[in-house]
Amino acid sequence: MLVLLRKLIIFTIVAAGSVAIWEVADIPTHIGLSHRNPSSENSSPVAAKPTDKPSFRTAPAGQRLLVWVLFVLLLPVVTAPLAGRVIDRQSNTANVLLLLGYTGLGILAAYIVNGVHVGSIWSALLYLLGLLAIFAYNLWMCAFIASLRSK
């Protein structure tokens, strides 16, 4: 059962990564970069046309939030063997780098899912609260993995 769960989690992460790559590759049409119109005689630049291709950022906010929460919650679980090896090294530097890596991936996932739009002080505080929540959860998970390894 645990092997099946890990395979499902890895598949989910790979699928989320594919969506992220799709979003990054589609940036020129989102930011309105110009391209050359091959049908015109002088090939003057024209505005990029929006595509009808579905985008992850156009999905309902609830679905995007669910994907982000699942990614953040499952990342330490999927990489528990890696975390265990890092914890076994008994190095504070390695442990801090592991926590910062997990937190950075959580922030990157938040950016991919929602983009960074800080329109007010409240949205900035919300991002800061999310950052602290990610860090606290990752710290708790690493402590839990360490307690399992010490038994």
C-alpha atoms as a PDB file:
ATOM      1  CA  MET A   1       0.000   0.000   0.000  1.00  0.00           C
ATOM      2  CA  LEU A   2       2.831   2.398   0.880  1.00  0.00           C
ATOM      3  CA  VAL A   3       4.565   1.689  -2.444  1.00  0.00           C
ATOM      4  CA  LEU A   4       1.358   2.443  -4.343  1.00  0.00           C
ATOM      5  CA  LEU A   5       0.900   5.673  -2.377  1.00  0.00           C
ATOM      6  CA  ARG A   6       4.458   6.780  -3.152  1.00  0.00           C
ATOM      7  CA  LYS A   7       3.985   6.032  -6.861  1.00  0.00           C
ATOM      8  CA  LEU A   8       0.774   8.062  -6.865  1.00  0.00           C
ATOM      9  CA  ILE A   9       2.521  10.960  -5.129  1.00  0.00           C
ATOM     10  CA  ILE A  10       5.443  10.871  -7.556  1.00  0.00           C
ATOM     11  CA  PHE A  11       3.022  10.816 -10.495  1.00  0.00           C
ATOM     12  CA  THR A  12       1.211  13.845  -9.027  1.00  0.00           C
ATOM     13  CA  ILE A  13       4.473  15.762  -8.620  1.00  0.00           C
ATOM     14  CA  VAL A  14       5.557  14.935 -12.163  1.00  0.00           C
ATOM     15  CA  ALA A  15       2.171  16.062 -13.481  1.00  0.00           C
ATOM     16  CA  ALA A  16       2.411  19.318 -11.519  1.00  0.00           C
ATOM     17  CA  GLY A  17       5.924  19.840 -12.880  1.00  0.00           C
ATOM     18  CA  SER A  18       4.644  19.316 -16.409  1.00  0.00           C
ATOM     19  CA  VAL A  19       1.967  21.936 -15.853  1.00  0.00           C
ATOM     20  CA  ALA A  20       4.626  24.302 -14.483  1.00  0.00           C
ATOM     21  CA  ILE A  21       6.817  23.820 -17.558  1.00  0.00           C
ATOM     22  CA  TRP A  22       3.782  24.365 -19.771  1.00  0.00           C
ATOM     23  CA  GLU A  23       3.081  27.658 -17.973  1.00  0.00           C
ATOM     24  CA  VAL A  24       6.688  28.850 -18.241  1.00  0.00           C
ATOM     25  CA  ALA A  25       6.832  27.953 -21.933  1.00  0.00           C
ATOM     26  CA  ASP A  26       3.654  29.957 -22.553  1.00  0.00           C
ATOM     27  CA  ILE A  27       4.978  33.213 -21.063  1.00  0.00           C
ATOM     28  CA  PRO A  28       5.354  35.194 -24.343  1.00  0.00           C
ATOM     29  CA  THR A  29       1.621  35.086 -25.074  1.00  0.00           C
ATOM     30  CA  HIS A  30       0.774  36.088 -21.505  1.00  0.00           C
ATOM     31  CA  ILE A  31       3.039  39.141 -21.425  1.00  0.00           C
ATOM     32  CA  GLY A  32       2.111  40.307 -24.925  1.00  0.00           C
ATOM     33  CA  LEU A  33       5.447  40.011 -26.692  1.00  0.00           C
ATOM     34  CA  SER A  34       5.287  40.864 -30.329  1.00  0.00           C
ATOM     35  CA  HIS A  35       6.011  38.526 -33.191  1.00  0.00           C
ATOM     36  CA  ARG A  36       6.426  38.970 -36.928  1.00  0.00           C
ATOM     37  CA  ASN A  37       3.417  38.496 -39.129  1.00  0.00           C
ATOM     38  CA  PRO A  38       4.648  36.340 -42.043  1.00  0.00           C
ATOM     39  CA  SER A  39       1.718  37.285 -44.268  1.00  0.00           C
ATOM     40  CA  SER A  40       2.607  40.968 -44.409  1.00  0.00           C
ATOM     41  CA  GLU A  41       5.072  42.270 -46.949  1.00  0.00           C
ATOM     42  CA  ASN A  42       7.254  44.238 -44.584  1.00  0.00           C
ATOM     43  CA  SER A  43       7.013  41.784 -41.670  1.00  0.00           C
ATOM     44  CA  SER A  44       6.230  44.505 -39.152  1.00  0.00           C
ATOM     45  CA  PRO A  45       5.746  43.516 -35.527  1.00  0.00           C
ATOM     46  CA  VAL A  46       2.200  42.883 -34.392  1.00  0.00           C
ATOM     47  CA  ALA A  47       0.756  42.180 -30.977  1.00  0.00           C
ATOM     48  CA  ALA A  48       0.745  38.561 -29.911  1.00  0.00           C
ATOM     49  CA  LYS A  49      -2.651  36.944 -30.192  1.00  0.00           C
ATOM     50  CA  PRO A  50      -4.017  35.244 -27.096  1.00  0.00           C
ATOM     51  CA  THR A  51      -4.355  31.507 -27.465  1.00  0.00           C
ATOM     52  CA  ASP A  52      -7.386  29.415 -26.703  1.00  0.00           C
ATOM     53  CA  LYS A  53      -5.146  26.907 -24.933  1.00  0.00           C
ATOM     54  CA  PRO A  54      -6.335  26.313 -21.350  1.00  0.00           C
ATOM     55  CA  SER A  55      -4.039  27.696 -18.683  1.00  0.00           C
ATOM     56  CA  PHE A  56      -3.447  26.465 -15.158  1.00  0.00           C
ATOM     57  CA  ARG A  57      -3.892  29.993 -13.839  1.00  0.00           C
ATOM     58  CA  THR A  58      -7.391  30.152 -15.324  1.00  0.00           C
ATOM     59  CA  ALA A  59      -8.491  27.184 -13.210  1.00  0.00           C
ATOM     60  CA  PRO A  60     -10.755  27.981 -10.242  1.00  0.00           C
ATOM     61  CA  ALA A  61      -8.892  29.346  -7.232  1.00  0.00           C
ATOM     62  CA  GLY A  62     -10.056  26.467  -5.035  1.00  0.00           C
ATOM     63  CA  GLN A  63      -8.478  23.882  -7.338  1.00  0.00           C
ATOM     64  CA  ARG A  64      -5.214  25.832  -7.531  1.00  0.00           C
ATOM     65  CA  LEU A  65      -5.123  26.150  -3.737  1.00  0.00           C
ATOM     66  CA  LEU A  66      -5.759  22.408  -3.356  1.00  0.00           C
ATOM     67  CA  VAL A  67      -2.904  21.553  -5.744  1.00  0.00           C
ATOM     68  CA  TRP A  68      -0.547  23.851  -3.838  1.00  0.00           C
ATOM     69  CA  VAL A  69      -1.546  22.509  -0.412  1.00  0.00           C
ATOM     70  CA  LEU A  70      -1.160  18.901  -1.566  1.00  0.00           C
ATOM     71  CA  PHE A  71       2.262  19.669  -3.043  1.00  0.00           C
ATOM     72  CA  VAL A  72       3.477  21.336   0.160  1.00  0.00           C
ATOM     73  CA  LEU A  73       2.056  18.586   2.398  1.00  0.00           C
ATOM     74  CA  LEU A  74       3.344  15.678   0.331  1.00  0.00           C
ATOM     75  CA  LEU A  75       6.809  16.966  -0.576  1.00  0.00           C
ATOM     76  CA  PRO A  76       8.466  15.976   2.742  1.00  0.00           C
ATOM     77  CA  VAL A  77       6.591  12.660   2.743  1.00  0.00           C
ATOM     78  CA  VAL A  78       7.780  11.708  -0.738  1.00  0.00           C
ATOM     79  CA  THR A  79      11.338  12.778  -0.035  1.00  0.00           C
ATOM     80  CA  ALA A  80      11.490  11.232   3.453  1.00  0.00           C
ATOM     81  CA  PRO A  81      14.434   8.936   2.561  1.00  0.00           C
ATOM     82  CA  LEU A  82      16.427  11.965   1.404  1.00  0.00           C
ATOM     83  CA  ALA A  83      15.486  13.892   4.534  1.00  0.00           C
ATOM     84  CA  GLY A  84      16.481  10.922   6.674  1.00  0.00           C
ATOM     85  CA  ARG A  85      19.925  10.771   5.085  1.00  0.00           C
ATOM     86  CA  VAL A  86      20.411  14.508   5.588  1.00  0.00           C
ATOM     87  CA  ILE A  87      19.286  14.289   9.216  1.00  0.00           C
ATOM     88  CA  ASP A  88      21.612  11.327   9.845  1.00  0.00           C
ATOM     89  CA  ARG A  89      24.586  13.498   8.863  1.00  0.00           C
ATOM     90  CA  GLN A  90      24.128  15.403  12.159  1.00  0.00           C
ATOM     91  CA  SER A  91      24.977  18.681  10.403  1.00  0.00           C
ATOM     92  CA  ASN A  92      23.100  21.873  11.226  1.00  0.00           C
ATOM     93  CA  THR A  93      24.091  23.375   7.883  1.00  0.00           C
ATOM     94  CA  ALA A  94      22.676  20.421   5.958  1.00  0.00           C
ATOM     95  CA  ASN A  95      19.467  20.527   8.013  1.00  0.00           C
ATOM     96  CA  VAL A  96      19.004  24.254   7.405  1.00  0.00           C
ATOM     97  CA  LEU A  97      19.621  23.779   3.678  1.00  0.00           C
ATOM     98  CA  LEU A  98      17.034  20.984   3.631  1.00  0.00           C
ATOM     99  CA  LEU A  99      14.458  23.210   5.363  1.00  0.00           C
ATOM    100  CA  LEU A 100      15.224  26.136   3.059  1.00  0.00           C
ATOM    101  CA  GLY A 101      14.954  23.834   0.037  1.00  0.00           C
ATOM    102  CA  TYR A 102      11.556  22.547   1.103  1.00  0.00           C
ATOM    103  CA  THR A 103      10.375  26.084   1.865  1.00  0.00           C
ATOM    104  CA  GLY A 104      11.744  27.406  -1.432  1.00  0.00           C
ATOM    105  CA  LEU A 105       9.963  24.668  -3.376  1.00  0.00           C
ATOM    106  CA  GLY A 106       6.731  25.545  -1.556  1.00  0.00           C
ATOM    107  CA  ILE A 107       7.132  29.199  -2.496  1.00  0.00           C
ATOM    108  CA  LEU A 108       7.963  28.260  -6.093  1.00  0.00           C
ATOM    109  CA  ALA A 109       4.843  26.096  -6.213  1.00  0.00           C
ATOM    110  CA  ALA A 110       2.772  29.017  -4.895  1.00  0.00           C
ATOM    111  CA  TYR A 111       4.189  31.238  -7.624  1.00  0.00           C
ATOM    112  CA  ILE A 112       3.491  28.677 -10.338  1.00  0.00           C
ATOM    113  CA  VAL A 113      -0.037  28.041  -9.103  1.00  0.00           C
ATOM    114  CA  ASN A 114      -1.063  31.622  -8.430  1.00  0.00           C
ATOM    115  CA  GLY A 115       1.666  34.008  -9.472  1.00  0.00           C
ATOM    116  CA  VAL A 116       3.009  36.669  -7.169  1.00  0.00           C
ATOM    117  CA  HIS A 117       0.535  39.494  -7.044  1.00  0.00           C
ATOM    118  CA  VAL A 118       1.010  41.742  -4.057  1.00  0.00           C
ATOM    119  CA  GLY A 119      -1.681  44.339  -4.527  1.00  0.00           C
ATOM    120  CA  SER A 120      -2.058  45.423  -0.931  1.00  0.00           C
ATOM    121  CA  ILE A 121      -0.553  45.076   2.498  1.00  0.00           C
ATOM    122  CA  TRP A 122      -3.041  42.276   3.213  1.00  0.00           C
ATOM    123  CA  SER A 123      -1.866  40.152   0.300  1.00  0.00           C
ATOM    124  CA  ALA A 124       1.764  40.733   1.369  1.00  0.00           C
ATOM    125  CA  LEU A 125       0.884  39.604   4.896  1.00  0.00           C
ATOM    126  CA  LEU A 126      -0.918  36.580   3.459  1.00  0.00           C
ATOM    127  CA  TYR A 127       2.192  35.557   1.495  1.00  0.00           C
ATOM    128  CA  LEU A 128       4.353  36.076   4.576  1.00  0.00           C
ATOM    129  CA  LEU A 129       1.955  33.995   6.666  1.00  0.00           C
ATOM    130  CA  GLY A 130       2.053  31.266   4.005  1.00  0.00           C
ATOM    131  CA  LEU A 131       5.860  31.346   4.041  1.00  0.00           C
ATOM    132  CA  LEU A 132       5.935  30.949   7.810  1.00  0.00           C
ATOM    133  CA  ALA A 133       3.343  28.159   7.671  1.00  0.00           C
ATOM    134  CA  ILE A 134       5.375  26.274   5.042  1.00  0.00           C
ATOM    135  CA  PHE A 135       8.556  26.640   7.095  1.00  0.00           C
ATOM    136  CA  ALA A 136       6.843  25.540  10.330  1.00  0.00           C
ATOM    137  CA  TYR A 137       5.284  22.496   8.664  1.00  0.00           C
ATOM    138  CA  ASN A 138       8.595  21.483   7.081  1.00  0.00           C
ATOM    139  CA  LEU A 139      10.381  21.905  10.415  1.00  0.00           C
ATOM    140  CA  TRP A 140       7.768  19.721  12.100  1.00  0.00           C
ATOM    141  CA  MET A 141       8.012  17.051   9.383  1.00  0.00           C
ATOM    142  CA  CYS A 142      11.812  16.952   9.595  1.00  0.00           C
ATOM    143  CA  ALA A 143      11.597  16.605  13.383  1.00  0.00           C
ATOM    144  CA  PHE A 144       9.047  13.809  12.939  1.00  0.00           C
ATOM    145  CA  ILE A 145      11.274  12.010  10.417  1.00  0.00           C
ATOM    146  CA  ALA A 146      14.231  12.391  12.808  1.00  0.00           C
ATOM    147  CA  SER A 147      12.198  10.892  15.656  1.00  0.00           C
ATOM    148  CA  LEU A 148      11.262   7.931  13.455  1.00  0.00           C
ATOM    149  CA  ARG A 149      14.909   7.407  12.494  1.00  0.00           C
ATOM    150  CA  SER A 150      16.078   7.462  16.114  1.00  0.00           C
ATOM    151  CA  LYS A 151      13.761   4.622  17.167  1.00  0.00           C
END
